[in-house]
Amino acid sequence: MTRNAHPDDATAADDGDDGGHGGDGPDAGGDARANDPFDLRSATEEHYEDAALYDFEYRRRRADVNWYRQLARRLAPAGPVLELGCGTGRVLTPLARDGVHVVGVDIAASMLARARERIDALGRVARTRARLVRADMRELALAARFPLIICPFNAFQHMYARRDVDAALARVRELLGEGGHFAFDVLNPDLRWLTRDPNKRWARTRFRHPVSGQRFEYSTNQDYDRATQIAHMRIYYERLDVPPEEKRTQVVRLAHRQFFPAELWGLLVHAGFRVEERWGGFTEEPFDDDADAQVLVCSLARSGS
């Protein structure tokens, strides 16, 4: 499973000419099976169907990549590192380039195909350090044990229910080597953002699709279900370079479970982990009320601790 920041934070804004020609735009990425805005399966898949657009939207997101690289140098300089929710290889390929053996796991075939392209573009030796596995992090079974397991860019926020959280953490616990660490990041819930008007469009941005060159306007809104703590987000893509009678809006759904800080700490302790570090961002700023993110480094708790 893969991830996303607030849709407002995507950087699909450049209305430049760097897009190529040919290929599909967001119109091709929809799923006709459901019109239910709260369908969690669709909301776990749709945002990741157009991997080229995904990479374009988050091309400027580098702070997390650099932090995970530094963490690997500190805790597992040669690896192997297991990345859960590796997506298009945004973190995985820099780790392989750094000399780290890394296994990337994701459930989205389109994202893994893009990750394979990134790996194939590495140098001959670096390519041998990267391996991809298509699997659900809740059901992952591997023979290897890892000194470092990472789950970057809010991937853990696709663990919607308590059973999902428990299953994913159980797999992490099984796959960690002696003295190993589990590091991941999730958003720090922002109630002002979560509860803003769901009928209004936010973050309107114009851009060109990186493959087709088609011009779009991007906007977002969301509904927040306080009972389940799930934000049901909608990303709207409207074509700009077609006659008015041909215009239509493609709606891409995305869901994120919100983890409140004390709750998340308790879930980790209950699952047998000890939180060693908690930061409010990727420059290791202190975690406080103003923090946008929860960046955690955990280890297995000693028996009786």
C-alpha atoms as a PDB file:
ATOM      1  CA  MET A   1       0.000   0.000   0.000  1.00  0.00           C
ATOM      2  CA  THR A   2       1.213   3.427  -0.803  1.00  0.00           C
ATOM      3  CA  ARG A   3       0.722   6.840   0.497  1.00  0.00           C
ATOM      4  CA  ASN A   4      -0.003  10.539   0.075  1.00  0.00           C
ATOM      5  CA  ALA A   5       0.362  13.785   1.997  1.00  0.00           C
ATOM      6  CA  HIS A   6      -2.517  16.195   2.248  1.00  0.00           C
ATOM      7  CA  PRO A   7      -3.618  16.570  -1.381  1.00  0.00           C
ATOM      8  CA  ASP A   8      -3.116  20.298  -0.832  1.00  0.00           C
ATOM      9  CA  ASP A   9       0.615  19.597  -0.563  1.00  0.00           C
ATOM     10  CA  ALA A  10       0.993  17.970  -3.969  1.00  0.00           C
ATOM     11  CA  THR A  11       3.155  19.988  -6.336  1.00  0.00           C
ATOM     12  CA  ALA A  12       1.336  19.408  -9.604  1.00  0.00           C
ATOM     13  CA  ALA A  13       1.202  23.153  -9.891  1.00  0.00           C
ATOM     14  CA  ASP A  14       3.810  23.919 -12.538  1.00  0.00           C
ATOM     15  CA  ASP A  15       1.929  24.948 -15.653  1.00  0.00           C
ATOM     16  CA  GLY A  16       5.114  24.588 -17.668  1.00  0.00           C
ATOM     17  CA  ASP A  17       6.082  22.707 -20.803  1.00  0.00           C
ATOM     18  CA  ASP A  18       8.066  19.893 -19.238  1.00  0.00           C
ATOM     19  CA  GLY A  19       5.419  17.277 -20.029  1.00  0.00           C
ATOM     20  CA  GLY A  20       6.046  14.960 -22.959  1.00  0.00           C
ATOM     21  CA  HIS A  21       3.520  13.758 -25.520  1.00  0.00           C
ATOM     22  CA  GLY A  22       1.569  10.551 -25.772  1.00  0.00           C
ATOM     23  CA  GLY A  23       0.258   8.468 -22.865  1.00  0.00           C
ATOM     24  CA  ASP A  24      -2.747   9.086 -20.691  1.00  0.00           C
ATOM     25  CA  GLY A  25      -3.834  11.775 -18.300  1.00  0.00           C
ATOM     26  CA  PRO A  26      -5.898  11.400 -15.137  1.00  0.00           C
ATOM     27  CA  ASP A  27      -9.003  10.616 -17.208  1.00  0.00           C
ATOM     28  CA  ALA A  28      -7.595   7.151 -17.840  1.00  0.00           C
ATOM     29  CA  GLY A  29      -6.936   6.388 -14.196  1.00  0.00           C
ATOM     30  CA  GLY A  30     -10.516   6.189 -12.898  1.00  0.00           C
ATOM     31  CA  ASP A  31     -12.300   3.082 -11.731  1.00  0.00           C
ATOM     32  CA  ALA A  32     -15.854   2.622 -12.928  1.00  0.00           C
ATOM     33  CA  ARG A  33     -16.796   0.023 -10.335  1.00  0.00           C
ATOM     34  CA  ALA A  34     -18.148   2.362  -7.666  1.00  0.00           C
ATOM     35  CA  ASN A  35     -19.584   5.816  -7.164  1.00  0.00           C
ATOM     36  CA  ASP A  36     -19.482   5.446  -3.401  1.00  0.00           C
ATOM     37  CA  PRO A  37     -17.298   8.309  -2.119  1.00  0.00           C
ATOM     38  CA  PHE A  38     -16.522   6.275   1.016  1.00  0.00           C
ATOM     39  CA  ASP A  39     -15.477   3.038  -0.712  1.00  0.00           C
ATOM     40  CA  LEU A  40     -12.176   2.195   0.941  1.00  0.00           C
ATOM     41  CA  ARG A  41     -10.947  -0.173  -1.747  1.00  0.00           C
ATOM     42  CA  SER A  42     -11.244   2.515  -4.403  1.00  0.00           C
ATOM     43  CA  ALA A  43      -9.734   5.064  -2.034  1.00  0.00           C
ATOM     44  CA  THR A  44      -6.707   2.817  -1.547  1.00  0.00           C
ATOM     45  CA  GLU A  45      -6.136   2.250  -5.266  1.00  0.00           C
ATOM     46  CA  GLU A  46      -7.181   5.186  -7.429  1.00  0.00           C
ATOM     47  CA  HIS A  47      -4.500   7.697  -6.459  1.00  0.00           C
ATOM     48  CA  TYR A  48      -1.774   5.208  -7.407  1.00  0.00           C
ATOM     49  CA  GLU A  49      -2.995   4.110 -10.835  1.00  0.00           C
ATOM     50  CA  ASP A  50      -1.140   6.863 -12.715  1.00  0.00           C
ATOM     51  CA  ALA A  51       2.389   6.394 -11.401  1.00  0.00           C
ATOM     52  CA  ALA A  52       3.889   9.018 -13.721  1.00  0.00           C
ATOM     53  CA  LEU A  53       1.501  11.659 -12.406  1.00  0.00           C
ATOM     54  CA  TYR A  54       2.154  10.539  -8.843  1.00  0.00           C
ATOM     55  CA  ASP A  55       5.891  11.038  -9.287  1.00  0.00           C
ATOM     56  CA  PHE A  56       5.288  14.422 -10.888  1.00  0.00           C
ATOM     57  CA  GLU A  57       3.048  15.618  -8.076  1.00  0.00           C
ATOM     58  CA  TYR A  58       5.572  14.702  -5.385  1.00  0.00           C
ATOM     59  CA  ARG A  59       8.788  15.374  -7.290  1.00  0.00           C
ATOM     60  CA  ARG A  60       9.828  18.112  -4.854  1.00  0.00           C
ATOM     61  CA  ARG A  61       9.292  16.013  -1.741  1.00  0.00           C
ATOM     62  CA  ARG A  62      12.882  15.294  -0.738  1.00  0.00           C
ATOM     63  CA  ALA A  63      13.177  15.882   3.016  1.00  0.00           C
ATOM     64  CA  ASP A  64      11.755  12.478   3.904  1.00  0.00           C
ATOM     65  CA  VAL A  65      13.994  10.708   1.369  1.00  0.00           C
ATOM     66  CA  ASN A  66      17.071  12.333   2.878  1.00  0.00           C
ATOM     67  CA  TRP A  67      15.978  11.487   6.422  1.00  0.00           C
ATOM     68  CA  TYR A  68      15.469   7.790   5.625  1.00  0.00           C
ATOM     69  CA  ARG A  69      18.841   7.694   3.859  1.00  0.00           C
ATOM     70  CA  GLN A  70      20.532   9.134   6.938  1.00  0.00           C
ATOM     71  CA  LEU A  71      18.648   6.700   9.169  1.00  0.00           C
ATOM     72  CA  ALA A  72      19.796   3.734   7.079  1.00  0.00           C
ATOM     73  CA  ARG A  73      23.408   4.939   7.285  1.00  0.00           C
ATOM     74  CA  ARG A  74      23.061   5.079  11.070  1.00  0.00           C
ATOM     75  CA  LEU A  75      21.139   1.861  11.757  1.00  0.00           C
ATOM     76  CA  ALA A  76      21.725  -0.443   8.769  1.00  0.00           C
ATOM     77  CA  PRO A  77      24.547   0.882   6.580  1.00  0.00           C
ATOM     78  CA  ALA A  78      24.725  -2.244   4.407  1.00  0.00           C
ATOM     79  CA  GLY A  79      21.152  -3.393   4.913  1.00  0.00           C
ATOM     80  CA  PRO A  80      19.137  -5.262   4.293  1.00  0.00           C
ATOM     81  CA  VAL A  81      16.344  -2.722   4.692  1.00  0.00           C
ATOM     82  CA  LEU A  82      12.691  -3.588   4.182  1.00  0.00           C
ATOM     83  CA  GLU A  83      10.488  -0.787   2.856  1.00  0.00           C
ATOM     84  CA  LEU A  84       6.734  -1.219   3.300  1.00  0.00           C
ATOM     85  CA  GLY A  85       4.733   0.791   0.794  1.00  0.00           C
ATOM     86  CA  CYS A  86       7.687   1.446  -1.490  1.00  0.00           C
ATOM     87  CA  GLY A  87       5.492   2.923  -4.235  1.00  0.00           C
ATOM     88  CA  THR A  88       7.486   4.147  -7.228  1.00  0.00           C
ATOM     89  CA  GLY A  89      10.846   3.668  -5.512  1.00  0.00           C
ATOM     90  CA  ARG A  90      11.195   7.273  -4.369  1.00  0.00           C
ATOM     91  CA  VAL A  91      13.068   6.147  -1.229  1.00  0.00           C
ATOM     92  CA  LEU A  92      14.159   2.686  -2.349  1.00  0.00           C
ATOM     93  CA  THR A  93      16.339   3.698  -5.289  1.00  0.00           C
ATOM     94  CA  PRO A  94      18.396   6.301  -3.378  1.00  0.00           C
ATOM     95  CA  LEU A  95      19.017   3.665  -0.687  1.00  0.00           C
ATOM     96  CA  ALA A  96      20.236   1.191  -3.307  1.00  0.00           C
ATOM     97  CA  ARG A  97      22.443   3.896  -4.806  1.00  0.00           C
ATOM     98  CA  ASP A  98      23.888   4.502  -1.310  1.00  0.00           C
ATOM     99  CA  GLY A  99      25.048   0.884  -1.111  1.00  0.00           C
ATOM    100  CA  VAL A 100      22.126  -0.483   0.931  1.00  0.00           C
ATOM    101  CA  HIS A 101      20.467  -3.775   0.026  1.00  0.00           C
ATOM    102  CA  VAL A 102      16.734  -3.070   0.108  1.00  0.00           C
ATOM    103  CA  VAL A 103      13.514  -5.018  -0.417  1.00  0.00           C
ATOM    104  CA  GLY A 104      10.539  -2.907  -1.474  1.00  0.00           C
ATOM    105  CA  VAL A 105       6.988  -4.117  -0.863  1.00  0.00           C
ATOM    106  CA  ASP A 106       3.849  -2.632  -2.356  1.00  0.00           C
ATOM    107  CA  ILE A 107       0.408  -3.871  -3.365  1.00  0.00           C
ATOM    108  CA  ALA A 108      -0.053  -1.532  -6.356  1.00  0.00           C
ATOM    109  CA  ALA A 109       1.181  -3.044  -9.627  1.00  0.00           C
ATOM    110  CA  SER A 110       1.361   0.335 -11.364  1.00  0.00           C
ATOM    111  CA  MET A 111       3.632   1.750  -8.668  1.00  0.00           C
ATOM    112  CA  LEU A 112       5.882  -1.297  -8.713  1.00  0.00           C
ATOM    113  CA  ALA A 113       6.192  -1.044 -12.507  1.00  0.00           C
ATOM    114  CA  ARG A 114       7.437   2.520 -12.110  1.00  0.00           C
ATOM    115  CA  ALA A 115       9.789   1.412  -9.313  1.00  0.00           C
ATOM    116  CA  ARG A 116      11.197  -1.231 -11.663  1.00  0.00           C
ATOM    117  CA  GLU A 117      11.907   1.493 -14.228  1.00  0.00           C
ATOM    118  CA  ARG A 118      13.777   3.480 -11.578  1.00  0.00           C
ATOM    119  CA  ILE A 119      15.804   0.428 -10.554  1.00  0.00           C
ATOM    120  CA  ASP A 120      16.651  -0.391 -14.158  1.00  0.00           C
ATOM    121  CA  ALA A 121      18.029   3.139 -14.542  1.00  0.00           C
ATOM    122  CA  LEU A 122      20.505   2.597 -11.692  1.00  0.00           C
ATOM    123  CA  GLY A 123      24.083   1.541 -12.234  1.00  0.00           C
ATOM    124  CA  ARG A 124      24.797  -2.163 -12.716  1.00  0.00           C
ATOM    125  CA  VAL A 125      25.912  -2.819  -9.130  1.00  0.00           C
ATOM    126  CA  ALA A 126      23.194  -0.690  -7.518  1.00  0.00           C
ATOM    127  CA  ARG A 127      20.528  -2.591  -9.464  1.00  0.00           C
ATOM    128  CA  THR A 128      21.567  -5.814  -7.744  1.00  0.00           C
ATOM    129  CA  ARG A 129      20.844  -4.292  -4.331  1.00  0.00           C
ATOM    130  CA  ALA A 130      17.120  -3.694  -4.963  1.00  0.00           C
ATOM    131  CA  ARG A 131      14.353  -6.272  -4.939  1.00  0.00           C
ATOM    132  CA  LEU A 132      10.608  -5.717  -5.358  1.00  0.00           C
ATOM    133  CA  VAL A 133       7.788  -7.803  -3.891  1.00  0.00           C
ATOM    134  CA  ARG A 134       4.103  -7.358  -4.593  1.00  0.00           C
ATOM    135  CA  ALA A 135       2.304  -8.022  -1.327  1.00  0.00           C
ATOM    136  CA  ASP A 136      -0.013  -6.596   1.314  1.00  0.00           C
ATOM    137  CA  MET A 137       1.953  -5.425   4.343  1.00  0.00           C
ATOM    138  CA  ARG A 138      -0.638  -7.069   6.608  1.00  0.00           C
ATOM    139  CA  GLU A 139       0.073 -10.512   5.119  1.00  0.00           C
ATOM    140  CA  LEU A 140       3.762 -10.278   4.257  1.00  0.00           C
ATOM    141  CA  ALA A 141       5.861 -13.423   4.687  1.00  0.00           C
ATOM    142  CA  LEU A 142       9.591 -13.309   3.966  1.00  0.00           C
ATOM    143  CA  ALA A 143      12.400 -15.605   5.051  1.00  0.00           C
ATOM    144  CA  ALA A 144      14.847 -12.777   5.729  1.00  0.00           C
ATOM    145  CA  ARG A 145      15.066 -10.720   8.900  1.00  0.00           C
ATOM    146  CA  PHE A 146      15.909  -7.032   8.728  1.00  0.00           C
ATOM    147  CA  PRO A 147      17.849  -4.654  10.981  1.00  0.00           C
ATOM    148  CA  LEU A 148      15.705  -1.799   9.676  1.00  0.00           C
ATOM    149  CA  ILE A 149      12.116  -1.742   8.424  1.00  0.00           C
ATOM    150  CA  ILE A 150      10.716   1.544   7.123  1.00  0.00           C
ATOM    151  CA  CYS A 151       7.235   2.641   6.077  1.00  0.00           C
ATOM    152  CA  PRO A 152       7.552   6.142   4.590  1.00  0.00           C
ATOM    153  CA  PHE A 153       5.151   8.829   3.388  1.00  0.00           C
ATOM    154  CA  ASN A 154       2.011   8.016   5.353  1.00  0.00           C
ATOM    155  CA  ALA A 155       1.657   4.470   3.978  1.00  0.00           C
ATOM    156  CA  PHE A 156       0.650   3.322   7.445  1.00  0.00           C
ATOM    157  CA  GLN A 157      -2.427   5.557   7.184  1.00  0.00           C
ATOM    158  CA  HIS A 158      -3.952   2.949   4.875  1.00  0.00           C
ATOM    159  CA  MET A 159      -4.307   0.729   7.934  1.00  0.00           C
ATOM    160  CA  TYR A 160      -7.922   1.777   8.434  1.00  0.00           C
ATOM    161  CA  ALA A 161      -9.152  -0.521  11.212  1.00  0.00           C
ATOM    162  CA  ARG A 162      -7.612  -1.822  14.429  1.00  0.00           C
ATOM    163  CA  ARG A 163      -7.265  -5.303  12.914  1.00  0.00           C
ATOM    164  CA  ASP A 164      -5.242  -3.806  10.033  1.00  0.00           C
ATOM    165  CA  VAL A 165      -2.935  -1.988  12.441  1.00  0.00           C
ATOM    166  CA  ASP A 166      -2.426  -5.095  14.582  1.00  0.00           C
ATOM    167  CA  ALA A 167      -1.761  -7.302  11.547  1.00  0.00           C
ATOM    168  CA  ALA A 168       0.774  -4.901  10.007  1.00  0.00           C
ATOM    169  CA  LEU A 169       2.640  -4.421  13.296  1.00  0.00           C
ATOM    170  CA  ALA A 170       2.690  -8.183  13.865  1.00  0.00           C
ATOM    171  CA  ARG A 171       4.375  -8.658  10.483  1.00  0.00           C
ATOM    172  CA  VAL A 172       6.926  -5.966  11.336  1.00  0.00           C
ATOM    173  CA  ARG A 173       7.626  -7.642  14.670  1.00  0.00           C
ATOM    174  CA  GLU A 174       8.171 -11.003  12.948  1.00  0.00           C
ATOM    175  CA  LEU A 175      10.488  -9.568  10.296  1.00  0.00           C
ATOM    176  CA  LEU A 176      12.725  -7.462  12.547  1.00  0.00           C
ATOM    177  CA  GLY A 177      16.124  -8.886  13.342  1.00  0.00           C
ATOM    178  CA  GLU A 178      17.651  -8.883  16.804  1.00  0.00           C
ATOM    179  CA  GLY A 179      18.139  -5.268  17.883  1.00  0.00           C
ATOM    180  CA  GLY A 180      16.305  -4.038  14.769  1.00  0.00           C
ATOM    181  CA  HIS A 181      14.339  -0.840  14.310  1.00  0.00           C
ATOM    182  CA  PHE A 182      11.049   0.127  12.709  1.00  0.00           C
ATOM    183  CA  ALA A 183      10.762   3.704  11.399  1.00  0.00           C
ATOM    184  CA  PHE A 184       7.738   5.326   9.805  1.00  0.00           C
ATOM    185  CA  ASP A 185       5.909   8.592   9.432  1.00  0.00           C
ATOM    186  CA  VAL A 186       2.256   9.607   9.491  1.00  0.00           C
ATOM    187  CA  LEU A 187       0.544  12.959   9.535  1.00  0.00           C
ATOM    188  CA  ASN A 188      -0.213  14.682  12.815  1.00  0.00           C
ATOM    189  CA  PRO A 189      -4.004  15.172  12.550  1.00  0.00           C
ATOM    190  CA  ASP A 190      -4.981  18.772  11.828  1.00  0.00           C
ATOM    191  CA  LEU A 191      -8.606  19.195  12.896  1.00  0.00           C
ATOM    192  CA  ARG A 192      -8.905  22.526  11.114  1.00  0.00           C
ATOM    193  CA  TRP A 193      -7.933  20.880   7.834  1.00  0.00           C
ATOM    194  CA  LEU A 194      -9.988  17.756   8.437  1.00  0.00           C
ATOM    195  CA  THR A 195     -13.203  19.609   9.259  1.00  0.00           C
ATOM    196  CA  ARG A 196     -13.178  22.386   6.677  1.00  0.00           C
ATOM    197  CA  ASP A 197     -16.134  22.773   4.305  1.00  0.00           C
ATOM    198  CA  PRO A 198     -16.456  19.495   2.338  1.00  0.00           C
ATOM    199  CA  ASN A 199     -18.510  21.198  -0.371  1.00  0.00           C
ATOM    200  CA  LYS A 200     -15.843  23.729  -1.258  1.00  0.00           C
ATOM    201  CA  ARG A 201     -12.932  23.020  -3.614  1.00  0.00           C
ATOM    202  CA  TRP A 202      -9.502  23.742  -2.168  1.00  0.00           C
ATOM    203  CA  ALA A 203      -5.925  24.083  -3.463  1.00  0.00           C
ATOM    204  CA  ARG A 204      -6.874  24.879  -7.071  1.00  0.00           C
ATOM    205  CA  THR A 205      -3.788  24.392  -9.192  1.00  0.00           C
ATOM    206  CA  ARG A 206      -3.103  24.191 -12.939  1.00  0.00           C
ATOM    207  CA  PHE A 207      -0.545  21.842 -14.429  1.00  0.00           C
ATOM    208  CA  ARG A 208       0.448  19.810 -17.473  1.00  0.00           C
ATOM    209  CA  HIS A 209       0.418  16.044 -17.296  1.00  0.00           C
ATOM    210  CA  PRO A 210       4.058  14.852 -17.410  1.00  0.00           C
ATOM    211  CA  VAL A 211       3.396  12.269 -20.145  1.00  0.00           C
ATOM    212  CA  SER A 212       0.505  13.521 -22.268  1.00  0.00           C
ATOM    213  CA  GLY A 213       1.137  17.253 -21.925  1.00  0.00           C
ATOM    214  CA  GLN A 214      -2.595  17.759 -21.389  1.00  0.00           C
ATOM    215  CA  ARG A 215      -3.551  20.744 -19.226  1.00  0.00           C
ATOM    216  CA  PHE A 216      -5.586  20.183 -16.072  1.00  0.00           C
ATOM    217  CA  GLU A 217      -6.884  22.040 -13.062  1.00  0.00           C
ATOM    218  CA  TYR A 218      -6.461  20.198  -9.782  1.00  0.00           C
ATOM    219  CA  SER A 219      -8.541  20.776  -6.633  1.00  0.00           C
ATOM    220  CA  THR A 220      -9.454  18.822  -3.507  1.00  0.00           C
ATOM    221  CA  ASN A 221     -11.903  18.451  -0.682  1.00  0.00           C
ATOM    222  CA  GLN A 222     -12.721  15.798   1.898  1.00  0.00           C
ATOM    223  CA  ASP A 223     -15.168  14.425   4.445  1.00  0.00           C
ATOM    224  CA  TYR A 224     -13.859  13.383   7.832  1.00  0.00           C
ATOM    225  CA  ASP A 225     -15.583  10.519   9.635  1.00  0.00           C
ATOM    226  CA  ARG A 226     -14.921  11.114  13.315  1.00  0.00           C
ATOM    227  CA  ALA A 227     -16.197   7.651  14.303  1.00  0.00           C
ATOM    228  CA  THR A 228     -13.649   5.795  12.164  1.00  0.00           C
ATOM    229  CA  GLN A 229     -11.034   8.596  12.125  1.00  0.00           C
ATOM    230  CA  ILE A 230     -10.828   8.274   8.351  1.00  0.00           C
ATOM    231  CA  ALA A 231     -10.448  11.271   6.034  1.00  0.00           C
ATOM    232  CA  HIS A 232     -12.204  10.515   2.740  1.00  0.00           C
ATOM    233  CA  MET A 233     -10.458  12.803   0.260  1.00  0.00           C
ATOM    234  CA  ARG A 234     -11.447  13.641  -3.286  1.00  0.00           C
ATOM    235  CA  ILE A 235      -8.993  14.936  -5.880  1.00  0.00           C
ATOM    236  CA  TYR A 236     -10.613  16.591  -8.900  1.00  0.00           C
ATOM    237  CA  TYR A 237      -8.906  16.759 -12.301  1.00  0.00           C
ATOM    238  CA  GLU A 238     -10.576  18.991 -14.906  1.00  0.00           C
ATOM    239  CA  ARG A 239      -9.261  19.183 -18.477  1.00  0.00           C
ATOM    240  CA  LEU A 240      -8.566  22.743 -19.587  1.00  0.00           C
ATOM    241  CA  ASP A 241      -7.490  22.242 -23.205  1.00  0.00           C
ATOM    242  CA  VAL A 242     -10.760  20.884 -24.624  1.00  0.00           C
ATOM    243  CA  PRO A 243     -13.933  22.642 -25.863  1.00  0.00           C
ATOM    244  CA  PRO A 244     -16.500  23.400 -23.131  1.00  0.00           C
ATOM    245  CA  GLU A 245     -18.871  20.713 -24.352  1.00  0.00           C
ATOM    246  CA  GLU A 246     -16.145  18.067 -23.926  1.00  0.00           C
ATOM    247  CA  LYS A 247     -15.110  19.040 -20.415  1.00  0.00           C
ATOM    248  CA  ARG A 248     -15.640  16.575 -17.623  1.00  0.00           C
ATOM    249  CA  THR A 249     -14.218  16.067 -14.163  1.00  0.00           C
ATOM    250  CA  GLN A 250     -12.342  12.970 -13.062  1.00  0.00           C
ATOM    251  CA  VAL A 251     -12.625  12.348  -9.314  1.00  0.00           C
ATOM    252  CA  VAL A 252      -9.872  10.322  -7.679  1.00  0.00           C
ATOM    253  CA  ARG A 253     -10.558   9.064  -4.171  1.00  0.00           C
ATOM    254  CA  LEU A 254      -8.002   8.702  -1.403  1.00  0.00           C
ATOM    255  CA  ALA A 255      -8.524   7.664   2.230  1.00  0.00           C
ATOM    256  CA  HIS A 256      -6.280   8.152   5.256  1.00  0.00           C
ATOM    257  CA  ARG A 257      -6.793   6.861   8.768  1.00  0.00           C
ATOM    258  CA  GLN A 258      -5.835   9.572  11.236  1.00  0.00           C
ATOM    259  CA  PHE A 259      -3.650   8.518  14.156  1.00  0.00           C
ATOM    260  CA  PHE A 260      -3.666  10.866  17.117  1.00  0.00           C
ATOM    261  CA  PRO A 261      -0.314  10.990  18.907  1.00  0.00           C
ATOM    262  CA  ALA A 262      -1.186   9.362  22.233  1.00  0.00           C
ATOM    263  CA  GLU A 263      -3.293   6.770  20.426  1.00  0.00           C
ATOM    264  CA  LEU A 264      -0.455   5.840  18.078  1.00  0.00           C
ATOM    265  CA  TRP A 265       2.012   5.553  20.947  1.00  0.00           C
ATOM    266  CA  GLY A 266      -0.410   3.234  22.750  1.00  0.00           C
ATOM    267  CA  LEU A 267      -0.943   1.055  19.668  1.00  0.00           C
ATOM    268  CA  LEU A 268       2.799   0.609  19.289  1.00  0.00           C
ATOM    269  CA  VAL A 269       3.305  -0.284  22.958  1.00  0.00           C
ATOM    270  CA  HIS A 270       0.393  -2.727  22.833  1.00  0.00           C
ATOM    271  CA  ALA A 271       2.002  -4.394  19.785  1.00  0.00           C
ATOM    272  CA  GLY A 272       5.281  -4.894  21.635  1.00  0.00           C
ATOM    273  CA  PHE A 273       7.277  -1.875  20.487  1.00  0.00           C
ATOM    274  CA  ARG A 274       9.185   0.813  22.324  1.00  0.00           C
ATOM    275  CA  VAL A 275       9.259   4.311  20.832  1.00  0.00           C
ATOM    276  CA  GLU A 276      12.885   5.449  20.858  1.00  0.00           C
ATOM    277  CA  GLU A 277      12.521   8.670  18.866  1.00  0.00           C
ATOM    278  CA  ARG A 278       9.589  10.849  17.867  1.00  0.00           C
ATOM    279  CA  TRP A 279      10.101  13.923  15.713  1.00  0.00           C
ATOM    280  CA  GLY A 280       7.766  16.576  14.354  1.00  0.00           C
ATOM    281  CA  GLY A 281       9.352  16.553  10.899  1.00  0.00           C
ATOM    282  CA  PHE A 282      12.265  15.397   8.805  1.00  0.00           C
ATOM    283  CA  THR A 283      14.750  17.948  10.095  1.00  0.00           C
ATOM    284  CA  GLU A 284      14.193  16.285  13.477  1.00  0.00           C
ATOM    285  CA  GLU A 285      12.377  19.245  14.928  1.00  0.00           C
ATOM    286  CA  PRO A 286      10.788  18.540  18.324  1.00  0.00           C
ATOM    287  CA  PHE A 287       7.350  16.968  18.284  1.00  0.00           C
ATOM    288  CA  ASP A 288       4.843  19.457  19.661  1.00  0.00           C
ATOM    289  CA  ASP A 289       1.371  20.863  19.019  1.00  0.00           C
ATOM    290  CA  ASP A 290       2.522  22.610  15.842  1.00  0.00           C
ATOM    291  CA  ALA A 291       4.092  19.517  14.258  1.00  0.00           C
ATOM    292  CA  ASP A 292       2.762  18.536  10.833  1.00  0.00           C
ATOM    293  CA  ALA A 293       4.082  14.985  11.028  1.00  0.00           C
ATOM    294  CA  GLN A 294       4.819  12.189  13.454  1.00  0.00           C
ATOM    295  CA  VAL A 295       8.173  10.641  12.553  1.00  0.00           C
ATOM    296  CA  LEU A 296       8.919   7.647  14.747  1.00  0.00           C
ATOM    297  CA  VAL A 297      11.800   5.228  15.307  1.00  0.00           C
ATOM    298  CA  CYS A 298      10.840   2.131  17.313  1.00  0.00           C
ATOM    299  CA  SER A 299      12.460  -1.036  18.576  1.00  0.00           C
ATOM    300  CA  LEU A 300      11.060  -4.219  20.057  1.00  0.00           C
ATOM    301  CA  ALA A 301      10.324  -3.871  23.747  1.00  0.00           C
ATOM    302  CA  ARG A 302      12.293  -6.135  26.045  1.00  0.00           C
ATOM    303  CA  SER A 303      10.244  -8.733  27.857  1.00  0.00           C
ATOM    304  CA  GLY A 304       8.918  -7.252  31.082  1.00  0.00           C
ATOM    305  CA  SER A 305       9.741  -3.646  30.125  1.00  0.00           C
END
